[in-house]
PDB file of N, CA and C in Angstrom:
ATOM      1  N   MET A   1     -71.881  65.690-103.479  1.00  0.00           N
ATOM      2  CA  MET A   1     -71.606  64.469-102.189  1.00  0.00           C
ATOM      3  C   MET A   1     -70.782  65.677-101.785  1.00  0.00           C
ATOM      4  N   LYS A   2     -71.281  66.228-100.914  1.00  0.00           N
ATOM      5  CA  LYS A   2     -70.854  67.367 -99.715  1.00  0.00           C
ATOM      6  C   LYS A   2     -70.782  66.517 -98.441  1.00  0.00           C
ATOM      7  N   ILE A   3     -69.186  67.326 -97.932  1.00  0.00           N
ATOM      8  CA  ILE A   3     -68.020  66.925 -97.339  1.00  0.00           C
ATOM      9  C   ILE A   3     -68.138  68.503 -96.292  1.00  0.00           C
ATOM     10  N   SER A   4     -69.149  68.136 -94.626  1.00  0.00           N
ATOM     11  CA  SER A   4     -68.540  69.867 -93.874  1.00  0.00           C
ATOM     12  C   SER A   4     -67.833  69.382 -93.022  1.00  0.00           C
ATOM     13  N   LYS A   5     -67.039  70.146 -92.465  1.00  0.00           N
ATOM     14  CA  LYS A   5     -66.258  70.145 -91.601  1.00  0.00           C
ATOM     15  C   LYS A   5     -66.538  70.947 -90.110  1.00  0.00           C
ATOM     16  N   LEU A   6     -67.107  70.653 -89.171  1.00  0.00           N
ATOM     17  CA  LEU A   6     -67.722  70.950 -88.118  1.00  0.00           C
ATOM     18  C   LEU A   6     -67.415  71.085 -86.434  1.00  0.00           C
ATOM     19  N   LYS A   7     -67.475  72.542 -86.355  1.00  0.00           N
ATOM     20  CA  LYS A   7     -66.748  72.203 -84.308  1.00  0.00           C
ATOM     21  C   LYS A   7     -68.154  73.294 -83.653  1.00  0.00           C
ATOM     22  N   TYR A   8     -68.245  72.585 -82.579  1.00  0.00           N
ATOM     23  CA  TYR A   8     -69.301  72.191 -81.650  1.00  0.00           C
ATOM     24  C   TYR A   8     -68.327  73.025 -79.976  1.00  0.00           C
ATOM     25  N   PRO A   9     -69.435  73.476 -79.624  1.00  0.00           N
ATOM     26  CA  PRO A   9     -68.740  73.987 -78.417  1.00  0.00           C
ATOM     27  C   PRO A   9     -68.359  72.959 -77.688  1.00  0.00           C
ATOM     28  N   ASN A  10     -69.717  71.331 -77.658  1.00  0.00           N
ATOM     29  CA  ASN A  10     -69.378  70.259 -76.803  1.00  0.00           C
ATOM     30  C   ASN A  10     -70.108  68.877 -77.461  1.00  0.00           C
ATOM     31  N   LYS A  11     -69.580  67.443 -77.145  1.00  0.00           N
ATOM     32  CA  LYS A  11     -70.446  67.074 -77.580  1.00  0.00           C
ATOM     33  C   LYS A  11     -72.255  66.959 -77.743  1.00  0.00           C
ATOM     34  N   GLU A  12     -72.116  67.475 -76.383  1.00  0.00           N
ATOM     35  CA  GLU A  12     -74.175  66.760 -76.328  1.00  0.00           C
ATOM     36  C   GLU A  12     -74.318  68.109 -77.004  1.00  0.00           C
ATOM     37  N   THR A  13     -73.727  69.041 -78.026  1.00  0.00           N
ATOM     38  CA  THR A  13     -74.860  70.270 -78.723  1.00  0.00           C
ATOM     39  C   THR A  13     -74.249  69.748 -79.978  1.00  0.00           C
ATOM     40  N   ALA A  14     -73.292  69.214 -80.648  1.00  0.00           N
ATOM     41  CA  ALA A  14     -73.374  68.032 -81.470  1.00  0.00           C
ATOM     42  C   ALA A  14     -74.105  67.400 -81.916  1.00  0.00           C
ATOM     43  N   ILE A  15     -74.221  66.603 -80.958  1.00  0.00           N
ATOM     44  CA  ILE A  15     -75.502  65.704 -81.245  1.00  0.00           C
ATOM     45  C   ILE A  15     -77.038  66.250 -81.732  1.00  0.00           C
ATOM     46  N   ALA A  16     -77.178  67.011 -80.433  1.00  0.00           N
ATOM     47  CA  ALA A  16     -78.384  67.567 -80.638  1.00  0.00           C
ATOM     48  C   ALA A  16     -79.338  68.041 -82.323  1.00  0.00           C
ATOM     49  N   ASP A  17     -77.892  69.169 -82.629  1.00  0.00           N
ATOM     50  CA  ASP A  17     -77.987  69.683 -84.024  1.00  0.00           C
ATOM     51  C   ASP A  17     -77.807  68.601 -85.089  1.00  0.00           C
ATOM     52  N   LEU A  18     -76.705  67.557 -84.973  1.00  0.00           N
ATOM     53  CA  LEU A  18     -77.009  66.570 -85.983  1.00  0.00           C
ATOM     54  C   LEU A  18     -77.940  65.769 -86.375  1.00  0.00           C
ATOM     55  N   LEU A  19     -79.213  65.503 -85.516  1.00  0.00           N
ATOM     56  CA  LEU A  19     -80.604  65.031 -85.404  1.00  0.00           C
ATOM     57  C   LEU A  19     -81.504  66.432 -85.024  1.00  0.00           C
ATOM     58  N   ALA A  20     -81.037  67.393 -85.545  1.00  0.00           N
ATOM     59  CA  ALA A  20     -82.444  68.390 -85.788  1.00  0.00           C
ATOM     60  C   ALA A  20     -82.126  68.008 -87.085  1.00  0.00           C
ATOM     61  N   LYS A  21     -80.831  68.086 -87.123  1.00  0.00           N
ATOM     62  CA  LYS A  21     -80.923  68.247 -89.066  1.00  0.00           C
ATOM     63  C   LYS A  21     -80.846  67.592 -90.107  1.00  0.00           C
ATOM     64  N   GLY A  22     -81.020  65.793 -89.169  1.00  0.00           N
ATOM     65  CA  GLY A  22     -81.591  64.144 -89.938  1.00  0.00           C
ATOM     66  C   GLY A  22     -80.415  63.939 -90.339  1.00  0.00           C
ATOM     67  N   VAL A  23     -79.017  64.604 -90.181  1.00  0.00           N
ATOM     68  CA  VAL A  23     -77.767  63.472 -89.932  1.00  0.00           C
ATOM     69  C   VAL A  23     -77.678  62.643 -89.494  1.00  0.00           C
ATOM     70  N   TYR A  24     -78.067  62.449 -88.129  1.00  0.00           N
ATOM     71  CA  TYR A  24     -78.416  61.645 -86.964  1.00  0.00           C
ATOM     72  C   TYR A  24     -79.992  60.932 -87.061  1.00  0.00           C
ATOM     73  N   LYS A  25     -80.298  59.828 -87.083  1.00  0.00           N
ATOM     74  CA  LYS A  25     -81.618  59.711 -86.658  1.00  0.00           C
ATOM     75  C   LYS A  25     -81.444  58.461 -85.089  1.00  0.00           C
ATOM     76  N   GLU A  26     -82.427  58.564 -84.776  1.00  0.00           N
ATOM     77  CA  GLU A  26     -82.635  57.605 -83.530  1.00  0.00           C
ATOM     78  C   GLU A  26     -83.660  56.350 -84.204  1.00  0.00           C
ATOM     79  N   VAL A  27     -83.458  55.057 -83.377  1.00  0.00           N
ATOM     80  CA  VAL A  27     -83.714  54.058 -84.054  1.00  0.00           C
ATOM     81  C   VAL A  27     -83.347  53.469 -82.818  1.00  0.00           C
ATOM     82  N   LYS A  28     -84.524  51.753 -82.977  1.00  0.00           N
ATOM     83  CA  LYS A  28     -84.119  50.742 -81.305  1.00  0.00           C
ATOM     84  C   LYS A  28     -82.918  49.895 -82.091  1.00  0.00           C
ATOM     85  N   ASP A  29     -82.143  49.106 -81.991  1.00  0.00           N
ATOM     86  CA  ASP A  29     -81.317  48.034 -82.119  1.00  0.00           C
ATOM     87  C   ASP A  29     -81.759  46.934 -81.146  1.00  0.00           C
ATOM     88  N   LEU A  30     -82.012  45.542 -81.716  1.00  0.00           N
ATOM     89  CA  LEU A  30     -82.130  44.242 -80.806  1.00  0.00           C
ATOM     90  C   LEU A  30     -82.843  44.384 -79.723  1.00  0.00           C
ATOM     91  N   ASN A  31     -81.826  45.192 -79.145  1.00  0.00           N
ATOM     92  CA  ASN A  31     -82.545  44.822 -77.771  1.00  0.00           C
ATOM     93  C   ASN A  31     -83.304  46.147 -77.749  1.00  0.00           C
ATOM     94  N   ASP A  32     -83.559  47.119 -78.097  1.00  0.00           N
ATOM     95  CA  ASP A  32     -84.850  48.336 -77.918  1.00  0.00           C
ATOM     96  C   ASP A  32     -84.106  48.909 -76.982  1.00  0.00           C
ATOM     97  N   ASP A  33     -82.657  49.279 -77.437  1.00  0.00           N
ATOM     98  CA  ASP A  33     -81.937  50.606 -77.296  1.00  0.00           C
ATOM     99  C   ASP A  33     -82.440  51.616 -77.733  1.00  0.00           C
ATOM    100  N   ILE A  34     -81.999  52.812 -77.784  1.00  0.00           N
ATOM    101  CA  ILE A  34     -81.733  53.571 -78.438  1.00  0.00           C
ATOM    102  C   ILE A  34     -80.779  54.398 -79.089  1.00  0.00           C
ATOM    103  N   VAL A  35     -80.214  53.512 -79.830  1.00  0.00           N
ATOM    104  CA  VAL A  35     -78.999  54.425 -80.797  1.00  0.00           C
ATOM    105  C   VAL A  35     -78.891  55.259 -81.793  1.00  0.00           C
ATOM    106  N   LEU A  36     -78.043  55.728 -81.935  1.00  0.00           N
ATOM    107  CA  LEU A  36     -78.116  56.532 -83.662  1.00  0.00           C
ATOM    108  C   LEU A  36     -77.536  56.109 -85.019  1.00  0.00           C
ATOM    109  N   ALA A  37     -77.993  55.989 -85.571  1.00  0.00           N
ATOM    110  CA  ALA A  37     -77.867  55.993 -87.043  1.00  0.00           C
ATOM    111  C   ALA A  37     -77.481  57.007 -88.277  1.00  0.00           C
ATOM    112  N   TYR A  38     -77.388  56.987 -89.218  1.00  0.00           N
ATOM    113  CA  TYR A  38     -77.568  57.625 -90.207  1.00  0.00           C
ATOM    114  C   TYR A  38     -78.692  57.868 -90.508  1.00  0.00           C
ATOM    115  N   GLY A  39     -79.025  59.314 -90.802  1.00  0.00           N
ATOM    116  CA  GLY A  39     -80.282  59.687 -92.066  1.00  0.00           C
ATOM    117  C   GLY A  39     -79.960  59.784 -93.063  1.00  0.00           C
ATOM    118  N   GLN A  40     -81.320  59.720 -93.358  1.00  0.00           N
ATOM    119  CA  GLN A  40     -81.140  59.334 -95.335  1.00  0.00           C
ATOM    120  C   GLN A  40     -80.579  60.993 -95.816  1.00  0.00           C
ATOM    121  N   GLY A  41     -79.377  60.523 -96.984  1.00  0.00           N
ATOM    122  CA  GLY A  41     -78.606  60.588 -97.846  1.00  0.00           C
ATOM    123  C   GLY A  41     -77.257  61.170 -96.688  1.00  0.00           C
ATOM    124  N   THR A  42     -76.874  60.240 -95.676  1.00  0.00           N
ATOM    125  CA  THR A  42     -76.028  60.327 -94.583  1.00  0.00           C
ATOM    126  C   THR A  42     -74.964  59.195 -95.005  1.00  0.00           C
ATOM    127  N   HIS A  43     -73.437  59.477 -95.714  1.00  0.00           N
ATOM    128  CA  HIS A  43     -72.739  57.981 -96.140  1.00  0.00           C
ATOM    129  C   HIS A  43     -72.313  58.093 -94.632  1.00  0.00           C
ATOM    130  N   SER A  44     -71.421  59.601 -94.053  1.00  0.00           N
ATOM    131  CA  SER A  44     -70.803  58.802 -93.115  1.00  0.00           C
ATOM    132  C   SER A  44     -70.680  60.460 -92.262  1.00  0.00           C
ATOM    133  N   ILE A  45     -70.200  59.631 -91.084  1.00  0.00           N
ATOM    134  CA  ILE A  45     -70.137  60.333 -89.920  1.00  0.00           C
ATOM    135  C   ILE A  45     -68.875  60.550 -89.297  1.00  0.00           C
ATOM    136  N   VAL A  46     -68.054  61.765 -88.770  1.00  0.00           N
ATOM    137  CA  VAL A  46     -66.763  61.037 -88.157  1.00  0.00           C
ATOM    138  C   VAL A  46     -66.921  62.051 -87.447  1.00  0.00           C
ATOM    139  N   GLU A  47     -66.955  60.980 -86.209  1.00  0.00           N
ATOM    140  CA  GLU A  47     -66.378  62.117 -84.195  1.00  0.00           C
ATOM    141  C   GLU A  47     -65.006  62.168 -83.995  1.00  0.00           C
ATOM    142  N   LEU A  48     -64.219  63.215 -84.500  1.00  0.00           N
ATOM    143  CA  LEU A  48     -63.362  63.767 -84.112  1.00  0.00           C
ATOM    144  C   LEU A  48     -62.890  63.951 -82.863  1.00  0.00           C
ATOM    145  N   GLY A  49     -63.806  64.523 -82.130  1.00  0.00           N
ATOM    146  CA  GLY A  49     -63.715  65.051 -80.564  1.00  0.00           C
ATOM    147  C   GLY A  49     -63.139  66.228 -80.815  1.00  0.00           C
ATOM    148  N   LEU A  50     -62.204  66.356 -79.559  1.00  0.00           N
ATOM    149  CA  LEU A  50     -61.512  66.995 -78.930  1.00  0.00           C
ATOM    150  C   LEU A  50     -60.023  66.888 -80.208  1.00  0.00           C
ATOM    151  N   ILE A  51     -59.570  68.270 -80.695  1.00  0.00           N
ATOM    152  CA  ILE A  51     -57.970  67.831 -81.450  1.00  0.00           C
ATOM    153  C   ILE A  51     -56.973  67.748 -80.926  1.00  0.00           C
ATOM    154  N   VAL A  52     -55.829  67.502 -80.495  1.00  0.00           N
ATOM    155  CA  VAL A  52     -54.879  67.437 -79.759  1.00  0.00           C
ATOM    156  C   VAL A  52     -54.080  68.868 -80.679  1.00  0.00           C
ATOM    157  N   ASP A  53     -53.567  69.725 -80.769  1.00  0.00           N
ATOM    158  CA  ASP A  53     -52.459  70.619 -80.725  1.00  0.00           C
ATOM    159  C   ASP A  53     -51.490  70.471 -81.153  1.00  0.00           C
ATOM    160  N   VAL A  54     -51.082  70.606 -79.473  1.00  0.00           N
ATOM    161  CA  VAL A  54     -49.785  70.204 -78.658  1.00  0.00           C
ATOM    162  C   VAL A  54     -49.960  68.899 -77.939  1.00  0.00           C
ATOM    163  N   GLU A  55     -48.983  68.115 -78.377  1.00  0.00           N
ATOM    164  CA  GLU A  55     -48.902  66.537 -77.253  1.00  0.00           C
ATOM    165  C   GLU A  55     -48.327  66.825 -76.065  1.00  0.00           C
ATOM    166  N   GLY A  56     -49.470  66.410 -75.299  1.00  0.00           N
ATOM    167  CA  GLY A  56     -48.577  66.374 -73.822  1.00  0.00           C
ATOM    168  C   GLY A  56     -47.770  64.971 -73.294  1.00  0.00           C
ATOM    169  N   THR A  57     -46.553  65.236 -72.256  1.00  0.00           N
ATOM    170  CA  THR A  57     -45.347  64.134 -72.148  1.00  0.00           C
ATOM    171  C   THR A  57     -45.557  63.784 -70.777  1.00  0.00           C
ATOM    172  N   TYR A  58     -44.788  62.823 -70.818  1.00  0.00           N
ATOM    173  CA  TYR A  58     -45.522  61.816 -69.574  1.00  0.00           C
ATOM    174  C   TYR A  58     -44.133  61.004 -69.563  1.00  0.00           C
ATOM    175  N   ASP A  59     -43.740  60.414 -68.334  1.00  0.00           N
ATOM    176  CA  ASP A  59     -42.348  59.926 -68.023  1.00  0.00           C
ATOM    177  C   ASP A  59     -42.308  58.793 -68.120  1.00  0.00           C
ATOM    178  N   ASP A  60     -41.763  57.914 -67.824  1.00  0.00           N
ATOM    179  CA  ASP A  60     -41.607  56.016 -67.584  1.00  0.00           C
ATOM    180  C   ASP A  60     -43.127  55.475 -67.490  1.00  0.00           C
ATOM    181  N   GLU A  61     -42.872  56.191 -66.308  1.00  0.00           N
ATOM    182  CA  GLU A  61     -44.744  55.448 -66.218  1.00  0.00           C
ATOM    183  C   GLU A  61     -45.369  55.540 -66.704  1.00  0.00           C
ATOM    184  N   GLY A  62     -46.114  56.544 -67.406  1.00  0.00           N
ATOM    185  CA  GLY A  62     -46.626  57.458 -67.916  1.00  0.00           C
ATOM    186  C   GLY A  62     -47.714  58.373 -66.904  1.00  0.00           C
ATOM    187  N   GLU A  63     -47.288  58.392 -66.338  1.00  0.00           N
ATOM    188  CA  GLU A  63     -47.562  59.476 -64.923  1.00  0.00           C
ATOM    189  C   GLU A  63     -47.314  61.058 -66.476  1.00  0.00           C
ATOM    190  N   GLU A  64     -48.508  61.884 -66.044  1.00  0.00           N
ATOM    191  CA  GLU A  64     -48.747  63.061 -67.284  1.00  0.00           C
ATOM    192  C   GLU A  64     -47.228  64.082 -66.533  1.00  0.00           C
ATOM    193  N   LEU A  65     -46.783  64.338 -67.227  1.00  0.00           N
ATOM    194  CA  LEU A  65     -45.603  65.992 -66.947  1.00  0.00           C
ATOM    195  C   LEU A  65     -46.098  67.113 -67.325  1.00  0.00           C
ATOM    196  N   THR A  66     -46.818  67.252 -68.803  1.00  0.00           N
ATOM    197  CA  THR A  66     -47.486  68.766 -68.865  1.00  0.00           C
ATOM    198  C   THR A  66     -48.672  68.083 -70.117  1.00  0.00           C
ATOM    199  N   ALA A  67     -49.985  68.943 -70.037  1.00  0.00           N
ATOM    200  CA  ALA A  67     -51.400  67.729 -69.952  1.00  0.00           C
ATOM    201  C   ALA A  67     -50.964  68.285 -71.754  1.00  0.00           C
ATOM    202  N   PRO A  68     -51.390  67.538 -72.236  1.00  0.00           N
ATOM    203  CA  PRO A  68     -52.016  67.965 -74.066  1.00  0.00           C
ATOM    204  C   PRO A  68     -52.036  69.486 -74.061  1.00  0.00           C
ATOM    205  N   VAL A  69     -52.433  70.122 -75.190  1.00  0.00           N
ATOM    206  CA  VAL A  69     -53.484  71.116 -75.758  1.00  0.00           C
ATOM    207  C   VAL A  69     -54.503  70.812 -77.072  1.00  0.00           C
ATOM    208  N   PHE A  70     -55.591  71.152 -76.437  1.00  0.00           N
ATOM    209  CA  PHE A  70     -56.668  70.767 -78.107  1.00  0.00           C
ATOM    210  C   PHE A  70     -57.167  72.194 -78.412  1.00  0.00           C
ATOM    211  N   VAL A  71     -57.181  71.911 -79.650  1.00  0.00           N
ATOM    212  CA  VAL A  71     -57.895  72.966 -80.405  1.00  0.00           C
ATOM    213  C   VAL A  71     -58.973  73.501 -79.799  1.00  0.00           C
ATOM    214  N   ASP A  72     -59.459  74.654 -79.887  1.00  0.00           N
ATOM    215  CA  ASP A  72     -60.379  74.772 -79.470  1.00  0.00           C
ATOM    216  C   ASP A  72     -62.000  74.271 -80.090  1.00  0.00           C
ATOM    217  N   GLY A  73     -63.039  73.858 -79.266  1.00  0.00           N
ATOM    218  CA  GLY A  73     -64.503  72.705 -79.829  1.00  0.00           C
ATOM    219  C   GLY A  73     -64.109  71.700 -79.838  1.00  0.00           C
ATOM    220  N   TYR A  74     -65.564  70.929 -80.194  1.00  0.00           N
ATOM    221  CA  TYR A  74     -65.464  69.266 -80.336  1.00  0.00           C
ATOM    222  C   TYR A  74     -66.010  69.371 -81.540  1.00  0.00           C
ATOM    223  N   HIS A  75     -65.152  68.549 -82.306  1.00  0.00           N
ATOM    224  CA  HIS A  75     -65.575  68.278 -83.943  1.00  0.00           C
ATOM    225  C   HIS A  75     -65.983  67.227 -84.916  1.00  0.00           C
ATOM    226  N   PHE A  76     -66.391  66.909 -85.761  1.00  0.00           N
ATOM    227  CA  PHE A  76     -67.227  66.512 -86.203  1.00  0.00           C
ATOM    228  C   PHE A  76     -66.376  66.538 -87.909  1.00  0.00           C
ATOM    229  N   ASP A  77     -66.829  65.123 -89.082  1.00  0.00           N
ATOM    230  CA  ASP A  77     -66.909  65.822 -90.512  1.00  0.00           C
ATOM    231  C   ASP A  77     -68.276  65.369 -90.739  1.00  0.00           C
ATOM    232  N   VAL A  78     -68.728  65.317 -92.051  1.00  0.00           N
ATOM    233  CA  VAL A  78     -69.388  64.744 -92.652  1.00  0.00           C
ATOM    234  C   VAL A  78     -69.604  64.860 -93.699  1.00  0.00           C
ATOM    235  N   MET A  79     -70.419  63.791 -95.021  1.00  0.00           N
ATOM    236  CA  MET A  79     -70.693  63.258 -95.559  1.00  0.00           C
ATOM    237  C   MET A  79     -71.821  63.324 -96.284  1.00  0.00           C
ATOM    238  N   SER A  80     -72.490  63.508 -96.634  1.00  0.00           N
ATOM    239  CA  SER A  80     -73.991  63.564 -97.009  1.00  0.00           C
ATOM    240  C   SER A  80     -74.124  64.213 -98.735  1.00  0.00           C
ATOM    241  N   GLU A  81     -75.349  63.175 -99.038  1.00  0.00           N
ATOM    242  CA  GLU A  81     -75.180  63.892-100.623  1.00  0.00           C
ATOM    243  C   GLU A  81     -76.817  64.849-100.024  1.00  0.00           C
ATOM    244  N   ASN A  82     -77.174  65.706 -99.201  1.00  0.00           N
ATOM    245  CA  ASN A  82     -77.977  66.504 -98.706  1.00  0.00           C
ATOM    246  C   ASN A  82     -77.415  67.726 -98.204  1.00  0.00           C
ATOM    247  N   GLU A  83     -77.948  68.472 -99.068  1.00  0.00           N
ATOM    248  CA  GLU A  83     -77.346  70.155 -98.801  1.00  0.00           C
ATOM    249  C   GLU A  83     -78.058  70.197 -97.546  1.00  0.00           C
ATOM    250  N   ILE A  84     -76.800  70.392 -96.712  1.00  0.00           N
ATOM    251  CA  ILE A  84     -77.191  70.739 -94.936  1.00  0.00           C
ATOM    252  C   ILE A  84     -76.940  72.667 -95.215  1.00  0.00           C
ATOM    253  N   ASP A  85     -77.313  73.080 -94.339  1.00  0.00           N
ATOM    254  CA  ASP A  85     -77.683  74.395 -93.567  1.00  0.00           C
ATOM    255  C   ASP A  85     -76.600  73.881 -92.210  1.00  0.00           C
ATOM    256  N   PHE A  86     -75.630  74.268 -92.885  1.00  0.00           N
ATOM    257  CA  PHE A  86     -74.835  74.049 -90.942  1.00  0.00           C
ATOM    258  C   PHE A  86     -74.025  75.742 -90.680  1.00  0.00           C
ATOM    259  N   GLU A  87     -74.274  76.066 -89.665  1.00  0.00           N
ATOM    260  CA  GLU A  87     -73.791  77.364 -89.609  1.00  0.00           C
ATOM    261  C   GLU A  87     -72.338  77.437 -88.855  1.00  0.00           C
ATOM    262  N   ASN A  88     -71.324  76.342 -88.144  1.00  0.00           N
ATOM    263  CA  ASN A  88     -71.063  76.031 -87.948  1.00  0.00           C
ATOM    264  C   ASN A  88     -69.608  75.478 -87.909  1.00  0.00           C
ATOM    265  N   THR A  89     -69.492  75.093 -89.924  1.00  0.00           N
ATOM    266  CA  THR A  89     -68.471  75.387 -90.573  1.00  0.00           C
ATOM    267  C   THR A  89     -66.912  75.703 -90.681  1.00  0.00           C
ATOM    268  N   ILE A  90     -66.043  75.160 -91.071  1.00  0.00           N
ATOM    269  CA  ILE A  90     -65.015  75.378 -90.554  1.00  0.00           C
ATOM    270  C   ILE A  90     -63.857  74.773 -91.473  1.00  0.00           C
ATOM    271  N   GLU A  91     -62.788  76.230 -91.628  1.00  0.00           N
ATOM    272  CA  GLU A  91     -61.555  75.499 -92.627  1.00  0.00           C
ATOM    273  C   GLU A  91     -60.451  75.302 -92.332  1.00  0.00           C
ATOM    274  N   PRO A  92     -60.144  73.957 -91.346  1.00  0.00           N
ATOM    275  CA  PRO A  92     -59.005  74.291 -91.553  1.00  0.00           C
ATOM    276  C   PRO A  92     -57.756  73.956 -91.940  1.00  0.00           C
ATOM    277  N   GLU A  93     -56.737  74.957 -91.775  1.00  0.00           N
ATOM    278  CA  GLU A  93     -55.419  75.310 -92.607  1.00  0.00           C
ATOM    279  C   GLU A  93     -54.496  73.601 -92.527  1.00  0.00           C
ATOM    280  N   ASN A  94     -54.673  73.177 -91.240  1.00  0.00           N
ATOM    281  CA  ASN A  94     -54.595  72.057 -91.214  1.00  0.00           C
ATOM    282  C   ASN A  94     -55.543  70.466 -90.577  1.00  0.00           C
ATOM    283  N   PRO A  95     -55.499  70.085 -91.800  1.00  0.00           N
ATOM    284  CA  PRO A  95     -57.452  69.072 -91.360  1.00  0.00           C
ATOM    285  C   PRO A  95     -56.636  67.467 -91.057  1.00  0.00           C
ATOM    286  N   ARG A  96     -57.123  66.993 -89.832  1.00  0.00           N
ATOM    287  CA  ARG A  96     -56.997  65.970 -89.071  1.00  0.00           C
ATOM    288  C   ARG A  96     -57.419  64.744 -90.106  1.00  0.00           C
ATOM    289  N   HIS A  97     -58.588  65.363 -90.821  1.00  0.00           N
ATOM    290  CA  HIS A  97     -59.144  64.081 -90.529  1.00  0.00           C
ATOM    291  C   HIS A  97     -59.746  64.390 -92.800  1.00  0.00           C
ATOM    292  N   THR A  98     -59.207  63.972 -93.306  1.00  0.00           N
ATOM    293  CA  THR A  98     -59.814  63.979 -95.174  1.00  0.00           C
ATOM    294  C   THR A  98     -60.681  62.447 -95.255  1.00  0.00           C
ATOM    295  N   PHE A  99     -61.657  62.778 -96.119  1.00  0.00           N
ATOM    296  CA  PHE A  99     -62.140  61.839 -97.225  1.00  0.00           C
ATOM    297  C   PHE A  99     -61.436  61.315 -97.926  1.00  0.00           C
ATOM    298  N   LEU A 100     -61.054  60.462 -98.795  1.00  0.00           N
ATOM    299  CA  LEU A 100     -60.628  60.213-100.125  1.00  0.00           C
ATOM    300  C   LEU A 100     -61.245  60.078-101.337  1.00  0.00           C
TER     301      LEU A 100
END
């Protein structure tokens, strides 16, 4: 099993790349809406999205005092039995997600 930690500039670029590589595929659901499904050999896709590096602060009413700071990029983790040539893999020192 191959696990890839991926960083993209945004969600749209990520989805387009995962579709192009066959990690995701588009299928119709029971309502004939197009939805994403795992491609052949894909076992798991975790959309981490924007990762908080420094938590924001908020007052008692929930109003933001200081904005959170995010790690650069939009992140996905992929588990697949296929060997996929990703050009954007990363090796974080403190990963926010791991597969058991």
